[in-house]
C-alpha atoms as a PDB file:
ATOM      1  CA  MET A   1      -0.052 -39.424 -14.936  1.00  0.00           C
ATOM      2  CA  SER A   2      -1.102 -36.906 -12.383  1.00  0.00           C
ATOM      3  CA  GLU A   3      -1.981 -33.561 -12.735  1.00  0.00           C
ATOM      4  CA  PRO A   4       0.507 -30.938 -12.027  1.00  0.00           C
ATOM      5  CA  ALA A   5       0.139 -29.649  -8.804  1.00  0.00           C
ATOM      6  CA  THR A   6      -0.751 -25.610  -9.186  1.00  0.00           C
ATOM      7  CA  ARG A   7       0.799 -23.227  -7.070  1.00  0.00           C
ATOM      8  CA  PRO A   8      -2.409 -21.595  -4.980  1.00  0.00           C
ATOM      9  CA  LYS A   9      -2.711 -17.638  -5.414  1.00  0.00           C
ATOM     10  CA  PRO A  10      -0.950 -15.546  -2.972  1.00  0.00           C
ATOM     11  CA  ARG A  11      -3.110 -14.006  -0.630  1.00  0.00           C
ATOM     12  CA  GLU A  12      -1.779 -10.740   0.505  1.00  0.00           C
ATOM     13  CA  VAL A  13       0.955  -8.776  -1.193  1.00  0.00           C
ATOM     14  CA  PHE A  14       3.956  -6.903   0.981  1.00  0.00           C
ATOM     15  CA  ILE A  15       4.848  -3.996  -0.286  1.00  0.00           C
ATOM     16  CA  GLN A  16       8.115  -3.238   1.543  1.00  0.00           C
ATOM     17  CA  GLY A  17      10.115  -0.068   2.803  1.00  0.00           C
ATOM     18  CA  LEU A  18      13.330  -0.538   0.875  1.00  0.00           C
ATOM     19  CA  THR A  19      14.041   0.490  -2.180  1.00  0.00           C
ATOM     20  CA  LEU A  20      14.879  -2.020  -4.703  1.00  0.00           C
ATOM     21  CA  GLU A  21      18.737  -0.685  -4.391  1.00  0.00           C
ATOM     22  CA  GLY A  22      18.132  -1.769  -0.548  1.00  0.00           C
ATOM     23  CA  ARG A  23      17.863   1.908   0.979  1.00  0.00           C
ATOM     24  CA  THR A  24      14.942   2.568   3.596  1.00  0.00           C
ATOM     25  CA  PHE A  25      11.884   4.782   1.532  1.00  0.00           C
ATOM     26  CA  ARG A  26      11.662   7.963   3.223  1.00  0.00           C
ATOM     27  CA  PRO A  27       8.971   9.754   5.171  1.00  0.00           C
ATOM     28  CA  SER A  28       9.649   7.320   7.837  1.00  0.00           C
ATOM     29  CA  ASP A  29       5.518   7.423   7.795  1.00  0.00           C
ATOM     30  CA  TRP A  30       4.783   6.442   4.348  1.00  0.00           C
ATOM     31  CA  ALA A  31       3.416   2.888   5.770  1.00  0.00           C
ATOM     32  CA  GLU A  32       0.710   4.556   7.669  1.00  0.00           C
ATOM     33  CA  ARG A  33       0.244   7.658   4.830  1.00  0.00           C
ATOM     34  CA  LEU A  34      -0.555   4.618   1.574  1.00  0.00           C
ATOM     35  CA  ALA A  35      -2.601   2.370   4.494  1.00  0.00           C
ATOM     36  CA  GLY A  36      -4.558   5.496   5.731  1.00  0.00           C
ATOM     37  CA  ALA A  37      -5.336   6.569   2.293  1.00  0.00           C
ATOM     38  CA  MET A  38      -6.968   2.877   1.946  1.00  0.00           C
ATOM     39  CA  SER A  39      -9.543   2.997   5.059  1.00  0.00           C
ATOM     40  CA  CYS A  40     -12.312   3.961   3.564  1.00  0.00           C
ATOM     41  CA  PHE A  41     -12.277   0.313   1.529  1.00  0.00           C
ATOM     42  CA  ARG A  42     -13.728  -1.964   4.538  1.00  0.00           C
ATOM     43  CA  PRO A  43     -16.504  -4.951   4.742  1.00  0.00           C
ATOM     44  CA  GLY A  44     -19.748  -3.906   3.899  1.00  0.00           C
ATOM     45  CA  MET A  45     -18.676  -0.199   2.540  1.00  0.00           C
ATOM     46  CA  ARG A  46     -19.287   0.934   6.125  1.00  0.00           C
ATOM     47  CA  SER A  47     -19.732   5.001   5.970  1.00  0.00           C
ATOM     48  CA  GLY A  48     -20.975   7.671   8.482  1.00  0.00           C
ATOM     49  CA  PRO A  49     -18.903   9.461  10.958  1.00  0.00           C
ATOM     50  CA  GLY A  50     -15.843   7.740  12.323  1.00  0.00           C
ATOM     51  CA  ALA A  51     -15.888   5.062   9.367  1.00  0.00           C
ATOM     52  CA  HIS A  52     -12.636   5.944   8.477  1.00  0.00           C
ATOM     53  CA  ILE A  53     -10.813   6.183  11.562  1.00  0.00           C
ATOM     54  CA  GLY A  54      -8.842   2.819  11.805  1.00  0.00           C
ATOM     55  CA  TYR A  55      -7.094   0.879   8.508  1.00  0.00           C
ATOM     56  CA  SER A  56      -8.936  -1.167   6.012  1.00  0.00           C
ATOM     57  CA  PRO A  57      -8.578  -5.111   6.670  1.00  0.00           C
ATOM     58  CA  TYR A  58      -7.210  -5.039   3.197  1.00  0.00           C
ATOM     59  CA  CYS A  59      -4.389  -2.332   3.483  1.00  0.00           C
ATOM     60  CA  VAL A  60      -2.754  -2.683   6.900  1.00  0.00           C
ATOM     61  CA  PRO A  61       0.821  -1.158   7.910  1.00  0.00           C
ATOM     62  CA  ARG A  62       3.482  -3.283   9.964  1.00  0.00           C
ATOM     63  CA  VAL A  63       6.897  -3.686  10.835  1.00  0.00           C
ATOM     64  CA  ILE A  64       7.962  -7.098   9.899  1.00  0.00           C
ATOM     65  CA  ASN A  65      11.910  -7.615  11.090  1.00  0.00           C
ATOM     66  CA  GLY A  66      12.179  -4.257  11.720  1.00  0.00           C
ATOM     67  CA  VAL A  67      11.086  -3.254   7.686  1.00  0.00           C
ATOM     68  CA  LYS A  68       7.730  -1.293   7.762  1.00  0.00           C
ATOM     69  CA  CYS A  69       5.747  -2.655   5.188  1.00  0.00           C
ATOM     70  CA  VAL A  70       1.903  -2.271   4.145  1.00  0.00           C
ATOM     71  CA  ILE A  71      -0.176  -5.784   3.493  1.00  0.00           C
ATOM     72  CA  VAL A  72      -2.320  -5.604   0.862  1.00  0.00           C
ATOM     73  CA  ASN A  73      -4.922  -8.145   1.086  1.00  0.00           C
ATOM     74  CA  GLU A  74      -5.931  -9.537  -3.055  1.00  0.00           C
ATOM     75  CA  ALA A  75      -9.445  -9.228  -1.866  1.00  0.00           C
ATOM     76  CA  LEU A  76      -9.000  -5.304  -2.864  1.00  0.00           C
ATOM     77  CA  ARG A  77      -8.651  -5.873  -6.143  1.00  0.00           C
ATOM     78  CA  GLU A  78     -12.008  -7.309  -6.538  1.00  0.00           C
ATOM     79  CA  ILE A  79     -13.680  -5.451  -4.076  1.00  0.00           C
ATOM     80  CA  GLU A  80     -11.980  -2.148  -6.100  1.00  0.00           C
ATOM     81  CA  PRO A  81      -9.234  -2.430  -9.144  1.00  0.00           C
ATOM     82  CA  MET A  82      -8.702   1.344  -8.931  1.00  0.00           C
ATOM     83  CA  ALA A  83      -7.791   1.300  -4.789  1.00  0.00           C
ATOM     84  CA  TRP A  84      -5.333  -2.147  -6.089  1.00  0.00           C
ATOM     85  CA  ASP A  85      -3.983  -0.344  -9.022  1.00  0.00           C
ATOM     86  CA  PHE A  86      -3.521   2.480  -6.788  1.00  0.00           C
ATOM     87  CA  VAL A  87      -0.906   0.928  -4.083  1.00  0.00           C
ATOM     88  CA  MET A  88       0.395  -1.673  -6.853  1.00  0.00           C
ATOM     89  CA  ASN A  89       1.224   1.594  -8.718  1.00  0.00           C
ATOM     90  CA  PHE A  90       3.310   3.782  -5.540  1.00  0.00           C
ATOM     91  CA  ALA A  91       4.980   0.823  -5.250  1.00  0.00           C
ATOM     92  CA  ARG A  92       6.403   0.414  -8.336  1.00  0.00           C
ATOM     93  CA  ASP A  93       6.519   4.082  -9.235  1.00  0.00           C
ATOM     94  CA  ASN A  94       8.583   4.378  -5.657  1.00  0.00           C
ATOM     95  CA  LYS A  95      11.081   1.317  -6.537  1.00  0.00           C
ATOM     96  CA  LEU A  96       9.788  -0.338  -3.521  1.00  0.00           C
ATOM     97  CA  GLN A  97      10.311  -4.337  -2.963  1.00  0.00           C
ATOM     98  CA  VAL A  98       7.262  -6.064  -3.460  1.00  0.00           C
ATOM     99  CA  ALA A  99       6.806  -9.679  -2.040  1.00  0.00           C
ATOM    100  CA  GLU A 100       3.695 -11.898  -2.341  1.00  0.00           C
ATOM    101  CA  ALA A 101       3.135 -14.510   0.464  1.00  0.00           C
ATOM    102  CA  CYS A 102       0.658 -14.983   3.053  1.00  0.00           C
ATOM    103  CA  LEU A 103       0.828 -14.721   6.696  1.00  0.00           C
ATOM    104  CA  LEU A 104      -0.273 -17.272   8.786  1.00  0.00           C
ATOM    105  CA  PRO A 105      -2.594 -16.945  11.878  1.00  0.00           C
ATOM    106  CA  ASP A 106      -0.654 -17.334  15.177  1.00  0.00           C
ATOM    107  CA  GLY A 107      -0.628 -21.233  16.352  1.00  0.00           C
ATOM    108  CA  PRO A 108      -1.998 -22.292  19.347  1.00  0.00           C
ATOM    109  CA  PRO A 109      -0.689 -20.900  22.416  1.00  0.00           C
ATOM    110  CA  LYS A 110       2.037 -22.953  23.857  1.00  0.00           C
ATOM    111  CA  ASP A 111       1.356 -24.537  27.828  1.00  0.00           C
END
């Protein structure tokens, strides 16, 4: 008998700007604020002037199907567990919907 297929771990967590009750989360710039708070966590942990400008690739705001989201890469958990806990606790404390998934890269351009 073959081994059952193991489900791969999700690579990203989507914190959605919708509460568990389906209401839009406020303030309207929550995703940018949360991602901005995580901006210092980046590959190579660059520092110095301007290092904080721009979002971390591990925590980025996006709008998906008209819903503001923050996409948190699971790599953040390994790099800085306290930062991972911070964003996950933010979602839990504010009763936000969270989905585990992996964004697929865009396909090749169509001719």
